[in-house]
Amino acid sequence: MFENEAPSEWWARFYTFLIGLINMLATLSLFPLIDKFGRRKLWIFGSFALFITLAAEGFSVYLLSGTLGMVLSLLFVFIYIIFFEMSIGPLVYIYGGESFYNKGLSMAIGLNWF
């Protein structure tokens, strides 16, 4: 995934490992936040944060070059994943589990993964 931006193959693999770790920790940290803030506020905040992060990512890729552009690009990718996994990513499944019965939920998840 990071072969073009990483200085070596080891760094590319390390960045991929770091994304997996950030993904797992952000998803696990969502559950206490749901009880504290509620689903709607997390959804709205997450959508806004994803918009800002993607705009910053686009800015860093389009206008900056060299090491600074690469570092900021990686940073914004990591921040995007954190916001996605703490909002919209898992909340879709939580809403689906509350809205559908077992058969409807299994069809929805099956279509999502297809």
C-alpha atoms as a PDB file:
ATOM      1  CA  MET A   1       0.000   0.000   0.000  1.00  0.00           C
ATOM      2  CA  PHE A   2       2.798   2.419   0.834  1.00  0.00           C
ATOM      3  CA  GLU A   3       5.424   1.227  -1.661  1.00  0.00           C
ATOM      4  CA  ASN A   4       5.526   4.582  -3.464  1.00  0.00           C
ATOM      5  CA  GLU A   5       5.740   6.742  -0.333  1.00  0.00           C
ATOM      6  CA  ALA A   6       7.966   4.669   1.910  1.00  0.00           C
ATOM      7  CA  PRO A   7      11.753   4.960   1.680  1.00  0.00           C
ATOM      8  CA  SER A   8      12.176   1.176   1.741  1.00  0.00           C
ATOM      9  CA  GLU A   9      10.163  -2.033   1.780  1.00  0.00           C
ATOM     10  CA  TRP A  10      10.615  -2.332   5.551  1.00  0.00           C
ATOM     11  CA  TRP A  11       9.021   1.093   6.099  1.00  0.00           C
ATOM     12  CA  ALA A  12       6.147   0.212   3.761  1.00  0.00           C
ATOM     13  CA  ARG A  13       5.415  -2.891   5.813  1.00  0.00           C
ATOM     14  CA  PHE A  14       5.765  -0.947   9.051  1.00  0.00           C
ATOM     15  CA  TYR A  15       3.243   1.660   7.837  1.00  0.00           C
ATOM     16  CA  THR A  16       0.835  -1.116   6.903  1.00  0.00           C
ATOM     17  CA  PHE A  17       1.240  -2.678  10.357  1.00  0.00           C
ATOM     18  CA  LEU A  18       0.708   0.741  11.945  1.00  0.00           C
ATOM     19  CA  ILE A  19      -2.540   1.188  10.007  1.00  0.00           C
ATOM     20  CA  GLY A  20      -3.803  -2.161  11.290  1.00  0.00           C
ATOM     21  CA  LEU A  21      -2.898  -1.243  14.856  1.00  0.00           C
ATOM     22  CA  ILE A  22      -4.538   2.182  14.595  1.00  0.00           C
ATOM     23  CA  ASN A  23      -7.598   0.578  13.036  1.00  0.00           C
ATOM     24  CA  MET A  24      -7.997  -1.901  15.884  1.00  0.00           C
ATOM     25  CA  LEU A  25      -7.407   0.602  18.695  1.00  0.00           C
ATOM     26  CA  ALA A  26      -9.744   3.198  17.196  1.00  0.00           C
ATOM     27  CA  THR A  27     -12.514   0.644  16.732  1.00  0.00           C
ATOM     28  CA  LEU A  28     -12.200  -0.585  20.311  1.00  0.00           C
ATOM     29  CA  SER A  29     -12.242   2.967  21.645  1.00  0.00           C
ATOM     30  CA  LEU A  30     -15.569   3.641  19.906  1.00  0.00           C
ATOM     31  CA  PHE A  31     -17.707   1.599  22.270  1.00  0.00           C
ATOM     32  CA  PRO A  32     -17.308   3.806  25.369  1.00  0.00           C
ATOM     33  CA  LEU A  33     -17.836   6.864  23.169  1.00  0.00           C
ATOM     34  CA  ILE A  34     -21.189   5.564  21.914  1.00  0.00           C
ATOM     35  CA  ASP A  35     -22.532   5.458  25.463  1.00  0.00           C
ATOM     36  CA  LYS A  36     -21.085   8.839  26.329  1.00  0.00           C
ATOM     37  CA  PHE A  37     -21.968  10.936  23.251  1.00  0.00           C
ATOM     38  CA  GLY A  38     -24.570   8.931  21.346  1.00  0.00           C
ATOM     39  CA  ARG A  39     -24.679   7.589  17.843  1.00  0.00           C
ATOM     40  CA  ARG A  40     -25.984  10.694  16.078  1.00  0.00           C
ATOM     41  CA  LYS A  41     -23.328  13.047  17.461  1.00  0.00           C
ATOM     42  CA  LEU A  42     -20.559  10.583  16.598  1.00  0.00           C
ATOM     43  CA  TRP A  43     -21.932  10.183  13.076  1.00  0.00           C
ATOM     44  CA  ILE A  44     -22.101  13.952  12.478  1.00  0.00           C
ATOM     45  CA  PHE A  45     -18.715  14.654  14.058  1.00  0.00           C
ATOM     46  CA  GLY A  46     -17.128  11.762  12.162  1.00  0.00           C
ATOM     47  CA  SER A  47     -18.521  12.970   8.837  1.00  0.00           C
ATOM     48  CA  PHE A  48     -17.191  16.473   9.425  1.00  0.00           C
ATOM     49  CA  ALA A  49     -13.810  15.174  10.586  1.00  0.00           C
ATOM     50  CA  LEU A  50     -13.532  12.899   7.533  1.00  0.00           C
ATOM     51  CA  PHE A  51     -14.280  15.849   5.247  1.00  0.00           C
ATOM     52  CA  ILE A  52     -11.609  18.007   6.908  1.00  0.00           C
ATOM     53  CA  THR A  53      -9.060  15.189   6.877  1.00  0.00           C
ATOM     54  CA  LEU A  54      -9.623  14.405   3.196  1.00  0.00           C
ATOM     55  CA  ALA A  55      -9.321  18.098   2.319  1.00  0.00           C
ATOM     56  CA  ALA A  56      -6.037  18.285   4.238  1.00  0.00           C
ATOM     57  CA  GLU A  57      -4.817  15.092   2.537  1.00  0.00           C
ATOM     58  CA  GLY A  58      -5.615  16.535  -0.863  1.00  0.00           C
ATOM     59  CA  PHE A  59      -3.823  19.750   0.058  1.00  0.00           C
ATOM     60  CA  SER A  60      -0.732  17.901   1.219  1.00  0.00           C
ATOM     61  CA  VAL A  61      -0.575  15.711  -1.899  1.00  0.00           C
ATOM     62  CA  TYR A  62      -1.346  18.463  -4.408  1.00  0.00           C
ATOM     63  CA  LEU A  63       0.652  21.397  -3.052  1.00  0.00           C
ATOM     64  CA  LEU A  64       3.490  19.917  -1.029  1.00  0.00           C
ATOM     65  CA  SER A  65       6.294  17.768  -2.316  1.00  0.00           C
ATOM     66  CA  GLY A  66       9.311  16.038  -0.904  1.00  0.00           C
ATOM     67  CA  THR A  67       9.640  14.716   2.613  1.00  0.00           C
ATOM     68  CA  LEU A  68       7.173  17.189   4.143  1.00  0.00           C
ATOM     69  CA  GLY A  69       4.450  16.205   1.681  1.00  0.00           C
ATOM     70  CA  MET A  70       5.058  12.511   2.307  1.00  0.00           C
ATOM     71  CA  VAL A  71       5.008  12.864   6.098  1.00  0.00           C
ATOM     72  CA  LEU A  72       1.851  14.986   6.076  1.00  0.00           C
ATOM     73  CA  SER A  73       0.186  12.622   3.626  1.00  0.00           C
ATOM     74  CA  LEU A  74       0.866   9.631   5.880  1.00  0.00           C
ATOM     75  CA  LEU A  75      -0.247  11.578   8.936  1.00  0.00           C
ATOM     76  CA  PHE A  76      -3.554  12.533   7.336  1.00  0.00           C
ATOM     77  CA  VAL A  77      -4.145   8.942   6.212  1.00  0.00           C
ATOM     78  CA  PHE A  78      -3.655   7.775   9.798  1.00  0.00           C
ATOM     79  CA  ILE A  79      -5.940  10.522  11.151  1.00  0.00           C
ATOM     80  CA  TYR A  80      -8.581   9.659   8.550  1.00  0.00           C
ATOM     81  CA  ILE A  81      -8.546   6.010   9.615  1.00  0.00           C
ATOM     82  CA  ILE A  82      -8.872   7.007  13.260  1.00  0.00           C
ATOM     83  CA  PHE A  83     -11.915   9.179  12.565  1.00  0.00           C
ATOM     84  CA  PHE A  84     -13.480   6.597  10.249  1.00  0.00           C
ATOM     85  CA  GLU A  85     -13.108   3.779  12.755  1.00  0.00           C
ATOM     86  CA  MET A  86     -14.399   5.935  15.593  1.00  0.00           C
ATOM     87  CA  SER A  87     -17.525   6.986  13.710  1.00  0.00           C
ATOM     88  CA  ILE A  88     -19.043   5.868  10.428  1.00  0.00           C
ATOM     89  CA  GLY A  89     -17.220   2.537   9.975  1.00  0.00           C
ATOM     90  CA  PRO A  90     -18.623   0.565  12.916  1.00  0.00           C
ATOM     91  CA  LEU A  91     -21.760   2.689  13.359  1.00  0.00           C
ATOM     92  CA  VAL A  92     -23.192   1.318  10.118  1.00  0.00           C
ATOM     93  CA  TYR A  93     -23.169  -2.166  11.609  1.00  0.00           C
ATOM     94  CA  ILE A  94     -24.578  -0.953  14.916  1.00  0.00           C
ATOM     95  CA  TYR A  95     -27.480   0.776  13.137  1.00  0.00           C
ATOM     96  CA  GLY A  96     -28.014  -2.300  10.993  1.00  0.00           C
ATOM     97  CA  GLY A  97     -28.112  -4.583  14.013  1.00  0.00           C
ATOM     98  CA  GLU A  98     -30.729  -2.388  15.660  1.00  0.00           C
ATOM     99  CA  SER A  99     -32.843  -1.893  12.525  1.00  0.00           C
ATOM    100  CA  PHE A 100     -33.060  -5.337  10.937  1.00  0.00           C
ATOM    101  CA  TYR A 101     -33.890  -8.818  12.060  1.00  0.00           C
ATOM    102  CA  ASN A 102     -31.291 -11.550  11.678  1.00  0.00           C
ATOM    103  CA  LYS A 103     -32.183 -12.404   8.076  1.00  0.00           C
ATOM    104  CA  GLY A 104     -32.239  -8.762   6.958  1.00  0.00           C
ATOM    105  CA  LEU A 105     -28.988  -8.017   8.767  1.00  0.00           C
ATOM    106  CA  SER A 106     -27.242 -11.001   7.211  1.00  0.00           C
ATOM    107  CA  MET A 107     -28.411  -9.922   3.749  1.00  0.00           C
ATOM    108  CA  ALA A 108     -27.242  -6.345   4.323  1.00  0.00           C
ATOM    109  CA  ILE A 109     -23.808  -7.421   5.540  1.00  0.00           C
ATOM    110  CA  GLY A 110     -23.514  -9.946   2.738  1.00  0.00           C
ATOM    111  CA  LEU A 111     -24.247  -7.268   0.150  1.00  0.00           C
ATOM    112  CA  ASN A 112     -21.790  -4.922   1.837  1.00  0.00           C
ATOM    113  CA  TRP A 113     -18.954  -7.445   1.646  1.00  0.00           C
ATOM    114  CA  PHE A 114     -19.860  -8.568  -1.858  1.00  0.00           C
END
